């Protein structure tokens, strides 16, 4: 993950082609789904409704086209 200053976007690089990134709150509420068609995905720190997300921890789940999966945590600080 790379935060692009001034913290308006989170770039997720190094993904396989056609991967999918799902972002959730720590309570499990879906926030956003991102497509990584070119091996990268960019999260503008907005939810699926276009609202800015609050500061806090968010869970991410990456699923590659071949079915491989990876999970982790990212912090958003405003």
PDB file of N, CA and C in Angstrom:
ATOM      1  N   UNK A   1       0.836  -1.177   0.000  1.00  0.00           N
ATOM      2  CA  UNK A   1       0.000   0.000   0.000  1.00  0.00           C
ATOM      3  C   UNK A   1       0.879   1.237   0.000  1.00  0.00           C
ATOM      4  N   UNK A   2       0.454   2.217  -0.762  1.00  0.00           N
ATOM      5  CA  UNK A   2       1.168   3.488  -0.809  1.00  0.00           C
ATOM      6  C   UNK A   2       0.139   4.593  -0.653  1.00  0.00           C
ATOM      7  N   UNK A   3       0.335   5.450   0.337  1.00  0.00           N
ATOM      8  CA  UNK A   3      -0.549   6.589   0.506  1.00  0.00           C
ATOM      9  C   UNK A   3      -0.041   7.732  -0.353  1.00  0.00           C
ATOM     10  N   UNK A   4      -0.912   8.268  -1.177  1.00  0.00           N
ATOM     11  CA  UNK A   4      -0.529   9.369  -2.050  1.00  0.00           C
ATOM     12  C   UNK A   4      -0.846  10.680  -1.341  1.00  0.00           C
ATOM     13  N   UNK A   5       0.189  11.500  -1.065  1.00  0.00           N
ATOM     14  CA  UNK A   5      -0.052  12.762  -0.365  1.00  0.00           C
ATOM     15  C   UNK A   5      -0.992  13.628  -1.190  1.00  0.00           C
ATOM     16  N   UNK A   6      -1.829  14.409  -0.589  1.00  0.00           N
ATOM     17  CA  UNK A   6      -2.056  14.569   0.841  1.00  0.00           C
ATOM     18  C   UNK A   6      -3.138  13.636   1.394  1.00  0.00           C
ATOM     19  N   UNK A   7      -2.884  12.375   1.424  1.00  0.00           N
ATOM     20  CA  UNK A   7      -3.741  11.351   2.018  1.00  0.00           C
ATOM     21  C   UNK A   7      -5.175  11.381   1.482  1.00  0.00           C
ATOM     22  N   UNK A   8      -5.294  11.480   0.184  1.00  0.00           N
ATOM     23  CA  UNK A   8      -6.611  11.469  -0.439  1.00  0.00           C
ATOM     24  C   UNK A   8      -6.879  10.158  -1.154  1.00  0.00           C
ATOM     25  N   UNK A   9      -5.859   9.305  -1.208  1.00  0.00           N
ATOM     26  CA  UNK A   9      -5.984   8.087  -1.988  1.00  0.00           C
ATOM     27  C   UNK A   9      -5.013   7.049  -1.476  1.00  0.00           C
ATOM     28  N   UNK A  10      -5.436   5.815  -1.486  1.00  0.00           N
ATOM     29  CA  UNK A  10      -4.594   4.702  -1.088  1.00  0.00           C
ATOM     30  C   UNK A  10      -4.375   3.846  -2.325  1.00  0.00           C
ATOM     31  N   UNK A  11      -3.128   3.659  -2.712  1.00  0.00           N
ATOM     32  CA  UNK A  11      -2.802   2.868  -3.897  1.00  0.00           C
ATOM     33  C   UNK A  11      -2.345   1.481  -3.465  1.00  0.00           C
ATOM     34  N   UNK A  12      -2.950   0.470  -4.068  1.00  0.00           N
ATOM     35  CA  UNK A  12      -2.624  -0.913  -3.766  1.00  0.00           C
ATOM     36  C   UNK A  12      -1.978  -1.489  -5.026  1.00  0.00           C
ATOM     37  N   UNK A  13      -0.679  -1.672  -4.986  1.00  0.00           N
ATOM     38  CA  UNK A  13       0.087  -2.105  -6.154  1.00  0.00           C
ATOM     39  C   UNK A  13       0.552  -3.548  -5.996  1.00  0.00           C
ATOM     40  N   UNK A  14       1.080  -4.113  -7.069  1.00  0.00           N
ATOM     41  CA  UNK A  14       1.648  -5.453  -7.027  1.00  0.00           C
ATOM     42  C   UNK A  14       0.617  -6.561  -7.038  1.00  0.00           C
ATOM     43  N   UNK A  15      -0.586  -6.258  -7.497  1.00  0.00           N
ATOM     44  CA  UNK A  15      -1.640  -7.263  -7.569  1.00  0.00           C
ATOM     45  C   UNK A  15      -1.596  -7.947  -8.931  1.00  0.00           C
ATOM     46  N   UNK A  16      -2.123  -9.148  -8.985  1.00  0.00           N
ATOM     47  CA  UNK A  16      -2.206  -9.823 -10.271  1.00  0.00           C
ATOM     48  C   UNK A  16      -3.338  -9.203 -11.085  1.00  0.00           C
ATOM     49  N   UNK A  17      -3.286  -9.385 -12.384  1.00  0.00           N
ATOM     50  CA  UNK A  17      -4.322  -8.837 -13.254  1.00  0.00           C
ATOM     51  C   UNK A  17      -5.691  -9.369 -12.861  1.00  0.00           C
ATOM     52  N   UNK A  18      -6.673  -8.500 -12.933  1.00  0.00           N
ATOM     53  CA  UNK A  18      -8.068  -8.829 -12.641  1.00  0.00           C
ATOM     54  C   UNK A  18      -8.326  -9.259 -11.201  1.00  0.00           C
ATOM     55  N   UNK A  19      -7.536  -8.756 -10.276  1.00  0.00           N
ATOM     56  CA  UNK A  19      -7.788  -9.000  -8.856  1.00  0.00           C
ATOM     57  C   UNK A  19      -8.933  -8.112  -8.387  1.00  0.00           C
ATOM     58  N   UNK A  20      -9.487  -8.465  -7.235  1.00  0.00           N
ATOM     59  CA  UNK A  20     -10.554  -7.679  -6.624  1.00  0.00           C
ATOM     60  C   UNK A  20     -10.155  -7.390  -5.186  1.00  0.00           C
ATOM     61  N   UNK A  21     -10.356  -6.163  -4.746  1.00  0.00           N
ATOM     62  CA  UNK A  21     -10.049  -5.767  -3.377  1.00  0.00           C
ATOM     63  C   UNK A  21     -11.355  -5.339  -2.715  1.00  0.00           C
ATOM     64  N   UNK A  22     -11.681  -5.962  -1.606  1.00  0.00           N
ATOM     65  CA  UNK A  22     -12.868  -5.580  -0.838  1.00  0.00           C
ATOM     66  C   UNK A  22     -12.404  -4.969   0.477  1.00  0.00           C
ATOM     67  N   UNK A  23     -13.031  -3.877   0.850  1.00  0.00           N
ATOM     68  CA  UNK A  23     -12.668  -3.165   2.069  1.00  0.00           C
ATOM     69  C   UNK A  23     -13.869  -3.181   3.006  1.00  0.00           C
ATOM     70  N   UNK A  24     -13.591  -3.474   4.294  1.00  0.00           N
ATOM     71  CA  UNK A  24     -14.625  -3.576   5.322  1.00  0.00           C
ATOM     72  C   UNK A  24     -14.202  -2.793   6.559  1.00  0.00           C
ATOM     73  N   UNK A  25     -15.184  -2.392   7.374  1.00  0.00           N
ATOM     74  CA  UNK A  25     -14.861  -1.840   8.687  1.00  0.00           C
ATOM     75  C   UNK A  25     -14.464  -3.006   9.585  1.00  0.00           C
ATOM     76  N   UNK A  26     -13.911  -2.709  10.746  1.00  0.00           N
ATOM     77  CA  UNK A  26     -13.528  -3.777  11.663  1.00  0.00           C
ATOM     78  C   UNK A  26     -14.751  -4.510  12.211  1.00  0.00           C
ATOM     79  N   UNK A  27     -15.915  -3.903  12.127  1.00  0.00           N
ATOM     80  CA  UNK A  27     -17.136  -4.582  12.558  1.00  0.00           C
ATOM     81  C   UNK A  27     -17.724  -5.452  11.447  1.00  0.00           C
ATOM     82  N   UNK A  28     -17.078  -5.443  10.271  1.00  0.00           N
ATOM     83  CA  UNK A  28     -17.504  -6.312   9.182  1.00  0.00           C
ATOM     84  C   UNK A  28     -18.419  -5.679   8.162  1.00  0.00           C
ATOM     85  N   UNK A  29     -18.692  -4.388   8.284  1.00  0.00           N
ATOM     86  CA  UNK A  29     -19.554  -3.703   7.311  1.00  0.00           C
ATOM     87  C   UNK A  29     -18.775  -3.443   6.024  1.00  0.00           C
ATOM     88  N   UNK A  30     -19.373  -3.810   4.886  1.00  0.00           N
ATOM     89  CA  UNK A  30     -18.730  -3.586   3.593  1.00  0.00           C
ATOM     90  C   UNK A  30     -18.592  -2.092   3.348  1.00  0.00           C
ATOM     91  N   UNK A  31     -17.424  -1.664   2.876  1.00  0.00           N
ATOM     92  CA  UNK A  31     -17.168  -0.262   2.586  1.00  0.00           C
ATOM     93  C   UNK A  31     -17.094  -0.039   1.077  1.00  0.00           C
ATOM     94  N   UNK A  32     -16.271  -0.817   0.402  1.00  0.00           N
ATOM     95  CA  UNK A  32     -16.042  -0.582  -1.028  1.00  0.00           C
ATOM     96  C   UNK A  32     -15.410  -1.801  -1.664  1.00  0.00           C
ATOM     97  N   UNK A  33     -15.679  -2.010  -2.944  1.00  0.00           N
ATOM     98  CA  UNK A  33     -15.013  -3.041  -3.735  1.00  0.00           C
ATOM     99  C   UNK A  33     -14.279  -2.351  -4.866  1.00  0.00           C
ATOM    100  N   UNK A  34     -12.996  -2.712  -5.017  1.00  0.00           N
ATOM    101  CA  UNK A  34     -12.146  -2.101  -6.039  1.00  0.00           C
ATOM    102  C   UNK A  34     -11.682  -3.155  -7.025  1.00  0.00           C
ATOM    103  N   UNK A  35     -11.642  -2.802  -8.284  1.00  0.00           N
ATOM    104  CA  UNK A  35     -11.117  -3.700  -9.314  1.00  0.00           C
ATOM    105  C   UNK A  35      -9.656  -3.355  -9.567  1.00  0.00           C
ATOM    106  N   UNK A  36      -8.840  -4.377  -9.737  1.00  0.00           N
ATOM    107  CA  UNK A  36      -7.415  -4.187 -10.047  1.00  0.00           C
ATOM    108  C   UNK A  36      -7.145  -4.795 -11.418  1.00  0.00           C
ATOM    109  N   UNK A  37      -7.800  -4.262 -12.434  1.00  0.00           N
ATOM    110  CA  UNK A  37      -7.702  -4.822 -13.778  1.00  0.00           C
ATOM    111  C   UNK A  37      -6.291  -4.753 -14.353  1.00  0.00           C
ATOM    112  N   UNK A  38      -5.509  -3.775 -13.934  1.00  0.00           N
ATOM    113  CA  UNK A  38      -4.154  -3.603 -14.460  1.00  0.00           C
ATOM    114  C   UNK A  38      -3.072  -3.946 -13.434  1.00  0.00           C
ATOM    115  N   UNK A  39      -3.432  -4.646 -12.375  1.00  0.00           N
ATOM    116  CA  UNK A  39      -2.463  -5.021 -11.352  1.00  0.00           C
ATOM    117  C   UNK A  39      -2.350  -4.036 -10.216  1.00  0.00           C
ATOM    118  N   UNK A  40      -3.195  -3.010 -10.217  1.00  0.00           N
ATOM    119  CA  UNK A  40      -3.194  -2.017  -9.134  1.00  0.00           C
ATOM    120  C   UNK A  40      -4.620  -1.539  -8.918  1.00  0.00           C
ATOM    121  N   UNK A  41      -4.902  -1.116  -7.702  1.00  0.00           N
ATOM    122  CA  UNK A  41      -6.212  -0.553  -7.370  1.00  0.00           C
ATOM    123  C   UNK A  41      -5.984   0.712  -6.562  1.00  0.00           C
ATOM    124  N   UNK A  42      -6.853   1.681  -6.729  1.00  0.00           N
ATOM    125  CA  UNK A  42      -6.741   2.935  -5.991  1.00  0.00           C
ATOM    126  C   UNK A  42      -8.031   3.163  -5.218  1.00  0.00           C
ATOM    127  N   UNK A  43      -7.899   3.412  -3.925  1.00  0.00           N
ATOM    128  CA  UNK A  43      -9.047   3.708  -3.069  1.00  0.00           C
ATOM    129  C   UNK A  43      -9.005   5.188  -2.740  1.00  0.00           C
ATOM    130  N   UNK A  44     -10.037   5.899  -3.102  1.00  0.00           N
ATOM    131  CA  UNK A  44     -10.117   7.336  -2.843  1.00  0.00           C
ATOM    132  C   UNK A  44     -10.619   7.653  -1.429  1.00  0.00           C
ATOM    133  N   UNK A  45     -10.596   6.670  -0.560  1.00  0.00           N
ATOM    134  CA  UNK A  45     -11.006   6.788   0.841  1.00  0.00           C
ATOM    135  C   UNK A  45     -12.467   7.178   0.970  1.00  0.00           C
ATOM    136  N   UNK A  46     -13.274   6.717   0.005  1.00  0.00           N
ATOM    137  CA  UNK A  46     -14.713   6.903   0.059  1.00  0.00           C
ATOM    138  C   UNK A  46     -15.385   5.541   0.120  1.00  0.00           C
ATOM    139  N   UNK A  47     -16.596   5.534   0.677  1.00  0.00           N
ATOM    140  CA  UNK A  47     -17.344   4.280   0.723  1.00  0.00           C
ATOM    141  C   UNK A  47     -18.103   4.087  -0.588  1.00  0.00           C
ATOM    142  N   UNK A  48     -18.910   3.063  -0.662  1.00  0.00           N
ATOM    143  CA  UNK A  48     -19.653   2.760  -1.874  1.00  0.00           C
ATOM    144  C   UNK A  48     -20.680   3.813  -2.255  1.00  0.00           C
ATOM    145  N   UNK A  49     -21.036   4.689  -1.312  1.00  0.00           N
ATOM    146  CA  UNK A  49     -21.993   5.768  -1.573  1.00  0.00           C
ATOM    147  C   UNK A  49     -21.315   7.081  -1.918  1.00  0.00           C
ATOM    148  N   UNK A  50     -19.983   7.086  -1.948  1.00  0.00           N
ATOM    149  CA  UNK A  50     -19.257   8.312  -2.260  1.00  0.00           C
ATOM    150  C   UNK A  50     -18.960   9.189  -1.066  1.00  0.00           C
ATOM    151  N   UNK A  51     -19.245   8.698   0.144  1.00  0.00           N
ATOM    152  CA  UNK A  51     -18.964   9.457   1.364  1.00  0.00           C
ATOM    153  C   UNK A  51     -17.549   9.161   1.844  1.00  0.00           C
ATOM    154  N   UNK A  52     -16.859  10.177   2.369  1.00  0.00           N
ATOM    155  CA  UNK A  52     -15.522   9.971   2.917  1.00  0.00           C
ATOM    156  C   UNK A  52     -15.590   9.066   4.137  1.00  0.00           C
ATOM    157  N   UNK A  53     -14.663   8.130   4.228  1.00  0.00           N
ATOM    158  CA  UNK A  53     -14.643   7.247   5.392  1.00  0.00           C
ATOM    159  C   UNK A  53     -14.000   7.976   6.564  1.00  0.00           C
ATOM    160  N   UNK A  54     -14.334   7.547   7.751  1.00  0.00           N
ATOM    161  CA  UNK A  54     -13.785   8.136   8.971  1.00  0.00           C
ATOM    162  C   UNK A  54     -12.406   7.561   9.261  1.00  0.00           C
ATOM    163  N   UNK A  55     -11.677   8.237  10.117  1.00  0.00           N
ATOM    164  CA  UNK A  55     -10.409   7.693  10.600  1.00  0.00           C
ATOM    165  C   UNK A  55     -10.689   6.376  11.302  1.00  0.00           C
ATOM    166  N   UNK A  56      -9.769   5.453  11.181  1.00  0.00           N
ATOM    167  CA  UNK A  56      -9.937   4.173  11.857  1.00  0.00           C
ATOM    168  C   UNK A  56      -9.255   3.050  11.121  1.00  0.00           C
ATOM    169  N   UNK A  57      -9.459   1.849  11.613  1.00  0.00           N
ATOM    170  CA  UNK A  57      -8.892   0.656  10.995  1.00  0.00           C
ATOM    171  C   UNK A  57      -9.891   0.054  10.020  1.00  0.00           C
ATOM    172  N   UNK A  58      -9.365  -0.419   8.901  1.00  0.00           N
ATOM    173  CA  UNK A  58     -10.186  -1.056   7.883  1.00  0.00           C
ATOM    174  C   UNK A  58      -9.533  -2.366   7.480  1.00  0.00           C
ATOM    175  N   UNK A  59     -10.355  -3.362   7.246  1.00  0.00           N
ATOM    176  CA  UNK A  59      -9.872  -4.668   6.806  1.00  0.00           C
ATOM    177  C   UNK A  59      -9.930  -4.711   5.291  1.00  0.00           C
ATOM    178  N   UNK A  60      -8.936  -5.339   4.678  1.00  0.00           N
ATOM    179  CA  UNK A  60      -8.999  -5.527   3.232  1.00  0.00           C
ATOM    180  C   UNK A  60      -8.853  -7.008   2.925  1.00  0.00           C
ATOM    181  N   UNK A  61      -9.492  -7.402   1.847  1.00  0.00           N
ATOM    182  CA  UNK A  61      -9.453  -8.785   1.379  1.00  0.00           C
ATOM    183  C   UNK A  61      -9.213  -8.730  -0.112  1.00  0.00           C
ATOM    184  N   UNK A  62      -8.136  -9.349  -0.567  1.00  0.00           N
ATOM    185  CA  UNK A  62      -7.784  -9.370  -1.990  1.00  0.00           C
ATOM    186  C   UNK A  62      -8.014 -10.773  -2.516  1.00  0.00           C
ATOM    187  N   UNK A  63      -8.702 -10.853  -3.644  1.00  0.00           N
ATOM    188  CA  UNK A  63      -8.901 -12.133  -4.309  1.00  0.00           C
ATOM    189  C   UNK A  63      -8.373 -12.014  -5.729  1.00  0.00           C
ATOM    190  N   UNK A  64      -7.397 -12.845  -6.059  1.00  0.00           N
ATOM    191  CA  UNK A  64      -6.812 -12.853  -7.396  1.00  0.00           C
ATOM    192  C   UNK A  64      -7.705 -13.655  -8.334  1.00  0.00           C
ATOM    193  N   UNK A  65      -7.507 -13.465  -9.621  1.00  0.00           N
ATOM    194  CA  UNK A  65      -8.297 -14.171 -10.634  1.00  0.00           C
ATOM    195  C   UNK A  65      -8.155 -15.683 -10.504  1.00  0.00           C
ATOM    196  N   UNK A  66      -6.993 -16.155 -10.020  1.00  0.00           N
ATOM    197  CA  UNK A  66      -6.781 -17.599  -9.876  1.00  0.00           C
ATOM    198  C   UNK A  66      -7.333 -18.156  -8.562  1.00  0.00           C
ATOM    199  N   UNK A  67      -7.976 -17.298  -7.761  1.00  0.00           N
ATOM    200  CA  UNK A  67      -8.580 -17.730  -6.504  1.00  0.00           C
ATOM    201  C   UNK A  67      -7.726 -17.512  -5.272  1.00  0.00           C
ATOM    202  N   UNK A  68      -6.466 -17.131  -5.442  1.00  0.00           N
ATOM    203  CA  UNK A  68      -5.603 -16.856  -4.291  1.00  0.00           C
ATOM    204  C   UNK A  68      -6.176 -15.669  -3.504  1.00  0.00           C
ATOM    205  N   UNK A  69      -6.013 -15.717  -2.177  1.00  0.00           N
ATOM    206  CA  UNK A  69      -6.573 -14.675  -1.322  1.00  0.00           C
ATOM    207  C   UNK A  69      -5.527 -14.155  -0.345  1.00  0.00           C
ATOM    208  N   UNK A  70      -5.716 -12.910   0.048  1.00  0.00           N
ATOM    209  CA  UNK A  70      -4.860 -12.287   1.055  1.00  0.00           C
ATOM    210  C   UNK A  70      -5.696 -11.289   1.831  1.00  0.00           C
ATOM    211  N   UNK A  71      -5.442 -11.184   3.139  1.00  0.00           N
ATOM    212  CA  UNK A  71      -6.170 -10.263   4.007  1.00  0.00           C
ATOM    213  C   UNK A  71      -5.194  -9.405   4.785  1.00  0.00           C
ATOM    214  N   UNK A  72      -5.688  -8.295   5.284  1.00  0.00           N
ATOM    215  CA  UNK A  72      -4.854  -7.436   6.099  1.00  0.00           C
ATOM    216  C   UNK A  72      -5.639  -6.288   6.675  1.00  0.00           C
ATOM    217  N   UNK A  73      -4.925  -5.372   7.306  1.00  0.00           N
ATOM    218  CA  UNK A  73      -5.516  -4.222   7.977  1.00  0.00           C
ATOM    219  C   UNK A  73      -4.791  -2.966   7.505  1.00  0.00           C
ATOM    220  N   UNK A  74      -5.536  -1.911   7.318  1.00  0.00           N
ATOM    221  CA  UNK A  74      -4.959  -0.611   6.963  1.00  0.00           C
ATOM    222  C   UNK A  74      -5.593   0.436   7.868  1.00  0.00           C
ATOM    223  N   UNK A  75      -4.817   1.442   8.254  1.00  0.00           N
ATOM    224  CA  UNK A  75      -5.311   2.522   9.093  1.00  0.00           C
ATOM    225  C   UNK A  75      -5.501   3.781   8.254  1.00  0.00           C
ATOM    226  N   UNK A  76      -6.616   4.449   8.460  1.00  0.00           N
ATOM    227  CA  UNK A  76      -6.878   5.753   7.839  1.00  0.00           C
ATOM    228  C   UNK A  76      -6.847   6.772   8.962  1.00  0.00           C
ATOM    229  N   UNK A  77      -5.990   7.766   8.807  1.00  0.00           N
ATOM    230  CA  UNK A  77      -5.863   8.827   9.801  1.00  0.00           C
ATOM    231  C   UNK A  77      -6.100  10.154   9.091  1.00  0.00           C
ATOM    232  N   UNK A  78      -7.064  10.860   9.535  1.00  0.00           N
ATOM    233  CA  UNK A  78      -7.385  12.164   8.905  1.00  0.00           C
ATOM    234  C   UNK A  78      -6.912  13.286   9.774  1.00  0.00           C
TER     235      UNK A  78
END
